[in-house]
Amino acid sequence: MAKKNIRLVSWNVNGLRAAVKKDFFASVENLDPDILLLQETKLQEDQRTEEMISLPGYTSHWAYSTVKKGYSGVAAYTRLSPKTVSPGMGIQRFDQEGRILELDLGDFVLFNIYFPNGQMSEERLQYKLDFYQDFFDHTDRLRDQGRSLIITGDFNTAHNEIDLKNPKPNSKRSGFLPMERQVLDKILANGYVDTFRHFNPETVKYSWWSYRFNARANNAGWRLDYFFATQDIIDKGWITNTFIDNEIHGSDHCPVGLELTI
C-alpha cells in the first residue's frame, strides 16, 4: 500500500477578516497544508466571503458561535475527504460557542479546538476547566474504541515554565495557573502526547505574543497552540516533523504544524 504524506497546520487567526487583510492567503500558500485548522475566526455564516469559503484546492468546514457575534468560531480547509465532519461534541453548553470541529479521516480522527480563555472571570475559568474535562471524556471514549486521535488548536494554557517567557509573574494568571497546568499533566498522563515537546524537549519556542509591550519583537511569548496525539500514533512512527512557524505574522498567534507519513 502506498504511503500517505499529510501536512497539518493549525493557526489561531484572531479574526479571519483581519487576517485576510494581513496576507493570510499568501501565508497559506507558503505553508502548503493538506489540512488547515483555524481558530477564532470570529465569523457568522453570512459574514464569510466567497474567497474565504472557496480556497482553491480545498473544501471548507465551519463551526460558529450562536451566542455572540464576532466571537470564537473554528474552520477547517482540507484537500482530503473526511468521512464525516461534526461541529461540536453533543453538549450544548459548549457547542453553542462554535469551538469544535471533529473530522473523521479514517486513519485517525482530527479535532480542531479553540479551548476557552479563563481570564475574564471565575465563571469563565470554571467553564474552561469543565470544557477540558468533558472534551477529553469524549476523546477517551473514541480512543477506547480503538481510534487514533490528533487534537490541535489553541489550548489557552502554557504547560510548563519552558512554554512562556515570564513564568513567575504569570503564575497567578489564567493560562498558567497551577490548576490549568495540572489538567494538562493529567491529560498527558492519560496517554496523550504533546507532539512538539515530545520531539523537542529542550526547545524554547512560542506561538502567541501579546499585542502590548512590543512582546513579539522581544519574543516575550507563550506556547498555547498544540498538536496532541494518542500514544499509538507515536508508537506507529507516523510523525515525521512537528513545527512552530514564528516567521509568519498576521495574527497574535503563529501557525503550528505536524507532518505525518501513514
Protein backbone atom coordinates (compact mmCIF):
# COMPACT_ATOMS: atom_id res chain seq x y z
CA MET A 1 0.00 0.00 0.00
CA ALA A 2 1.33 3.45 -0.93
CA LYS A 3 2.29 5.71 1.95
CA LYS A 4 0.43 8.96 2.51
CA ASN A 5 2.18 12.17 3.48
CA ILE A 6 -0.11 14.57 5.33
CA ARG A 7 0.83 18.09 6.44
CA LEU A 8 -1.42 19.54 9.15
CA VAL A 9 -1.30 23.22 10.13
CA SER A 10 -3.20 24.89 12.97
CA TRP A 11 -3.50 28.66 13.36
CA ASN A 12 -5.48 30.95 15.64
CA VAL A 13 -6.08 33.83 13.23
CA ASN A 14 -7.74 36.14 15.81
CA GLY A 15 -10.39 37.17 13.31
CA LEU A 16 -10.31 35.79 9.79
CA ARG A 17 -11.42 39.08 8.25
CA ALA A 18 -8.49 40.83 9.94
CA ALA A 19 -6.07 38.09 8.89
CA VAL A 20 -7.18 38.33 5.25
CA LYS A 21 -6.02 41.96 5.31
CA LYS A 22 -2.60 40.77 6.55
CA ASP A 23 -1.58 38.40 3.74
CA PHE A 24 -3.48 35.37 5.06
CA PHE A 25 -3.87 33.73 1.65
CA ALA A 26 -0.19 34.20 0.78
CA SER A 27 0.75 32.70 4.15
CA VAL A 28 -1.45 29.66 3.50
CA GLU A 29 0.17 29.21 0.10
CA ASN A 30 3.59 29.25 1.76
CA LEU A 31 2.50 26.83 4.47
CA ASP A 32 1.02 24.46 1.86
CA PRO A 33 -1.04 22.34 4.29
CA ASP A 34 -3.09 19.32 3.33
CA ILE A 35 -5.40 20.32 6.16
CA LEU A 36 -5.53 23.81 7.67
CA LEU A 37 -7.28 24.23 11.02
CA LEU A 38 -8.24 27.77 12.07
CA GLN A 39 -9.40 29.01 15.44
CA GLU A 40 -11.06 32.27 16.46
CA THR A 41 -12.44 33.05 13.02
CA LYS A 42 -14.94 35.46 14.67
CA LEU A 43 -17.40 34.88 11.83
CA GLN A 44 -21.06 34.13 11.38
CA GLU A 45 -22.09 32.07 8.37
CA ASP A 46 -23.31 35.09 6.38
CA GLN A 47 -20.09 37.03 7.03
CA ARG A 48 -17.88 34.71 5.02
CA THR A 49 -16.69 35.90 1.63
CA GLU A 50 -16.53 33.62 -1.39
CA GLU A 51 -12.75 33.88 -1.16
CA MET A 52 -12.86 32.52 2.39
CA ILE A 53 -15.27 29.71 1.56
CA SER A 54 -13.65 28.51 -1.67
CA LEU A 55 -9.91 28.44 -1.10
CA PRO A 56 -8.59 26.85 -4.32
CA GLY A 57 -7.90 23.15 -3.91
CA TYR A 58 -9.66 22.87 -0.55
CA THR A 59 -13.09 22.10 0.86
CA SER A 60 -14.01 24.25 3.86
CA HIS A 61 -15.91 23.27 7.02
CA TRP A 62 -17.11 25.69 9.70
CA ALA A 63 -18.48 25.97 13.22
CA TYR A 64 -19.95 29.24 14.51
CA SER A 65 -20.86 30.79 17.81
CA THR A 66 -24.64 31.02 18.17
CA VAL A 67 -24.47 33.02 21.41
CA LYS A 68 -22.41 36.03 20.37
CA LYS A 69 -21.39 37.63 17.07
CA GLY A 70 -17.74 38.33 16.30
CA TYR A 71 -16.71 35.65 18.77
CA SER A 72 -14.96 32.27 18.74
CA GLY A 73 -15.56 30.09 15.66
CA VAL A 74 -13.37 27.44 14.01
CA ALA A 75 -12.81 26.32 10.42
CA ALA A 76 -11.03 23.55 8.54
CA TYR A 77 -9.76 23.58 4.96
CA THR A 78 -8.95 20.13 3.64
CA ARG A 79 -7.57 18.61 0.47
CA LEU A 80 -8.52 15.21 1.86
CA SER A 81 -12.11 13.96 2.06
CA PRO A 82 -13.23 13.33 5.64
CA LYS A 83 -15.73 10.53 6.15
CA THR A 84 -17.67 12.82 8.48
CA VAL A 85 -17.35 16.32 9.91
CA SER A 86 -19.08 17.18 13.18
CA PRO A 87 -19.31 20.65 14.74
CA GLY A 88 -19.36 20.05 18.49
CA MET A 89 -19.34 17.12 20.89
CA GLY A 90 -23.03 16.89 21.70
CA ILE A 91 -23.00 19.19 24.75
CA GLN A 92 -24.99 22.34 24.01
CA ARG A 93 -23.25 24.41 26.69
CA PHE A 94 -20.00 24.09 24.77
CA ASP A 95 -21.17 23.51 21.21
CA GLN A 96 -23.07 26.81 21.10
CA GLU A 97 -19.79 28.75 21.21
CA GLY A 98 -18.51 27.19 17.96
CA ARG A 99 -15.26 25.83 19.36
CA ILE A 100 -15.09 22.32 17.92
CA LEU A 101 -14.75 20.55 14.58
CA GLU A 102 -14.30 16.78 14.53
CA LEU A 103 -13.08 15.30 11.23
CA ASP A 104 -13.02 11.53 10.75
CA LEU A 105 -10.22 10.87 8.26
CA GLY A 106 -10.36 7.08 8.51
CA ASP A 107 -6.77 6.50 9.68
CA PHE A 108 -7.36 8.94 12.53
CA VAL A 109 -9.89 11.38 13.94
CA LEU A 110 -8.74 15.00 13.85
CA PHE A 111 -10.08 17.60 16.27
CA ASN A 112 -9.80 21.35 15.73
CA ILE A 113 -10.44 23.03 19.08
CA TYR A 114 -10.50 26.58 20.37
CA PHE A 115 -10.33 25.97 24.11
CA PRO A 116 -11.91 28.68 26.27
CA ASN A 117 -9.96 31.52 27.84
CA GLY A 118 -10.37 31.71 31.60
CA GLN A 119 -9.16 35.25 32.25
CA MET A 120 -12.48 37.08 32.19
CA SER A 121 -13.95 35.73 35.43
CA GLU A 122 -14.09 32.83 37.88
CA GLU A 123 -17.15 31.62 35.97
CA ARG A 124 -15.24 31.50 32.67
CA LEU A 125 -12.28 29.79 34.33
CA GLN A 126 -14.65 27.07 35.56
CA TYR A 127 -16.20 26.87 32.09
CA LYS A 128 -12.71 26.31 30.67
CA LEU A 129 -11.94 23.55 33.19
CA ASP A 130 -15.31 21.90 32.55
CA PHE A 131 -14.68 22.08 28.80
CA TYR A 132 -11.33 20.30 29.19
CA GLN A 133 -12.96 17.59 31.30
CA ASP A 134 -15.93 16.92 29.03
CA PHE A 135 -13.92 17.17 25.82
CA PHE A 136 -11.28 14.68 26.91
CA ASP A 137 -14.00 12.37 28.26
CA HIS A 138 -15.35 12.46 24.69
CA THR A 139 -11.96 11.72 23.12
CA ASP A 140 -11.28 8.96 25.67
CA ARG A 141 -14.41 7.16 24.51
CA LEU A 142 -13.21 7.28 20.90
CA ARG A 143 -9.73 6.14 21.87
CA ASP A 144 -11.19 3.28 23.90
CA GLN A 145 -12.99 2.19 20.73
CA GLY A 146 -9.57 1.84 19.08
CA ARG A 147 -9.43 5.16 17.21
CA SER A 148 -6.20 7.08 16.72
CA LEU A 149 -6.66 10.76 17.58
CA ILE A 150 -4.95 14.06 16.80
CA ILE A 151 -6.15 17.11 18.75
CA THR A 152 -4.97 20.55 17.71
CA GLY A 153 -5.77 24.18 18.34
CA ASP A 154 -5.37 26.97 20.83
CA PHE A 155 -5.37 25.28 24.25
CA ASN A 156 -5.16 28.65 26.06
CA THR A 157 -2.75 27.14 28.60
CA ALA A 158 1.04 27.12 28.70
CA HIS A 159 2.04 23.81 30.26
CA ASN A 160 5.47 24.28 31.83
CA GLU A 161 7.91 27.10 32.56
CA ILE A 162 9.75 26.42 29.29
CA ASP A 163 6.50 27.30 27.49
CA LEU A 164 6.40 31.01 28.35
CA LYS A 165 8.91 33.81 28.67
CA ASN A 166 7.94 35.04 32.15
CA PRO A 167 6.56 32.13 34.18
CA LYS A 168 6.86 33.61 37.68
CA PRO A 169 4.87 36.83 37.14
CA ASN A 170 2.20 34.88 35.22
CA SER A 171 1.71 32.08 37.74
CA LYS A 172 -1.46 33.72 39.09
CA ARG A 173 -2.91 34.50 35.67
CA SER A 174 -5.31 32.23 33.81
CA GLY A 175 -3.32 30.46 31.14
CA PHE A 176 -0.59 29.45 33.59
CA LEU A 177 -2.47 28.74 36.80
CA PRO A 178 -1.41 25.60 38.70
CA MET A 179 -4.91 24.13 38.28
CA GLU A 180 -4.78 24.60 34.49
CA ARG A 181 -1.29 23.16 34.22
CA GLN A 182 -2.38 20.17 36.31
CA VAL A 183 -5.17 19.50 33.80
CA LEU A 184 -2.55 19.19 31.06
CA ASP A 185 -0.44 16.98 33.36
CA LYS A 186 -3.44 14.70 33.80
CA ILE A 187 -4.23 14.58 30.05
CA LEU A 188 -0.65 13.64 29.18
CA ALA A 189 -0.53 11.05 31.96
CA ASN A 190 -3.70 9.56 30.46
CA GLY A 191 -1.94 8.58 27.22
CA TYR A 192 -1.92 11.72 25.09
CA VAL A 193 1.34 13.19 23.79
CA ASP A 194 2.30 16.85 23.26
CA THR A 195 4.00 16.17 19.93
CA PHE A 196 6.15 19.31 19.74
CA ARG A 197 7.55 18.82 23.22
CA HIS A 198 7.97 15.07 22.70
CA PHE A 199 10.29 15.64 19.75
CA ASN A 200 11.78 18.93 21.00
CA PRO A 201 12.19 18.51 24.76
CA GLU A 202 14.52 21.49 25.27
CA THR A 203 13.39 23.85 22.50
CA VAL A 204 12.13 27.26 23.62
CA LYS A 205 9.59 28.44 21.07
CA TYR A 206 6.33 30.34 21.47
CA SER A 207 3.14 30.55 19.44
CA TRP A 208 1.38 33.60 20.97
CA TRP A 209 2.51 37.11 21.89
CA SER A 210 0.55 39.94 23.43
CA TYR A 211 -0.04 42.94 21.19
CA ARG A 212 1.17 45.04 24.13
CA PHE A 213 4.69 45.90 25.30
CA ASN A 214 6.30 45.06 21.92
CA ALA A 215 6.06 41.44 23.02
CA ARG A 216 6.60 39.79 19.65
CA ALA A 217 9.67 41.86 18.80
CA ASN A 218 11.08 40.92 22.20
CA ASN A 219 9.88 37.31 21.85
CA ALA A 220 8.09 37.55 25.19
CA GLY A 221 5.60 34.86 24.26
CA TRP A 222 3.65 31.81 25.35
CA ARG A 223 3.27 28.38 23.72
CA LEU A 224 -0.51 27.97 23.71
CA ASP A 225 -1.05 26.10 20.42
CA TYR A 226 -0.51 22.36 20.33
CA PHE A 227 -0.85 19.12 18.46
CA PHE A 228 -1.70 16.34 20.91
CA ALA A 229 -1.78 12.75 19.64
CA THR A 230 -2.72 9.45 21.16
CA GLN A 231 0.26 7.31 22.14
CA ASP A 232 -0.40 4.77 19.39
CA ILE A 233 0.40 7.40 16.73
CA ILE A 234 3.84 7.89 18.31
CA ASP A 235 4.32 4.12 18.56
CA LYS A 236 3.46 3.65 14.86
CA GLY A 237 6.10 6.20 13.86
CA TRP A 238 3.67 8.24 11.78
CA ILE A 239 5.05 11.63 12.83
CA THR A 240 7.91 12.90 10.67
CA ASN A 241 8.01 16.56 11.73
CA THR A 242 6.48 18.99 14.18
CA PHE A 243 7.00 22.74 13.94
CA ILE A 244 6.13 26.24 15.13
CA ASP A 245 6.45 28.83 12.33
CA ASN A 246 7.42 32.09 14.03
CA GLU A 247 8.16 33.73 10.69
CA ILE A 248 4.50 34.00 9.70
CA HIS A 249 2.65 37.04 11.03
CA GLY A 250 -0.93 38.18 10.52
CA SER A 251 -2.24 37.30 13.99
CA ASP A 252 -1.08 37.41 17.61
CA HIS A 253 -0.60 33.64 17.18
CA CYS A 254 1.64 31.95 14.63
CA PRO A 255 0.92 28.66 12.84
CA VAL A 256 1.97 25.32 14.31
CA GLY A 257 2.25 22.12 12.34
CA LEU A 258 2.53 18.36 12.24
CA GLU A 259 3.69 16.19 9.36
CA LEU A 260 2.68 12.54 9.08
CA THR A 261 3.59 9.61 6.88
CA ILE A 262 0.97 6.87 7.09
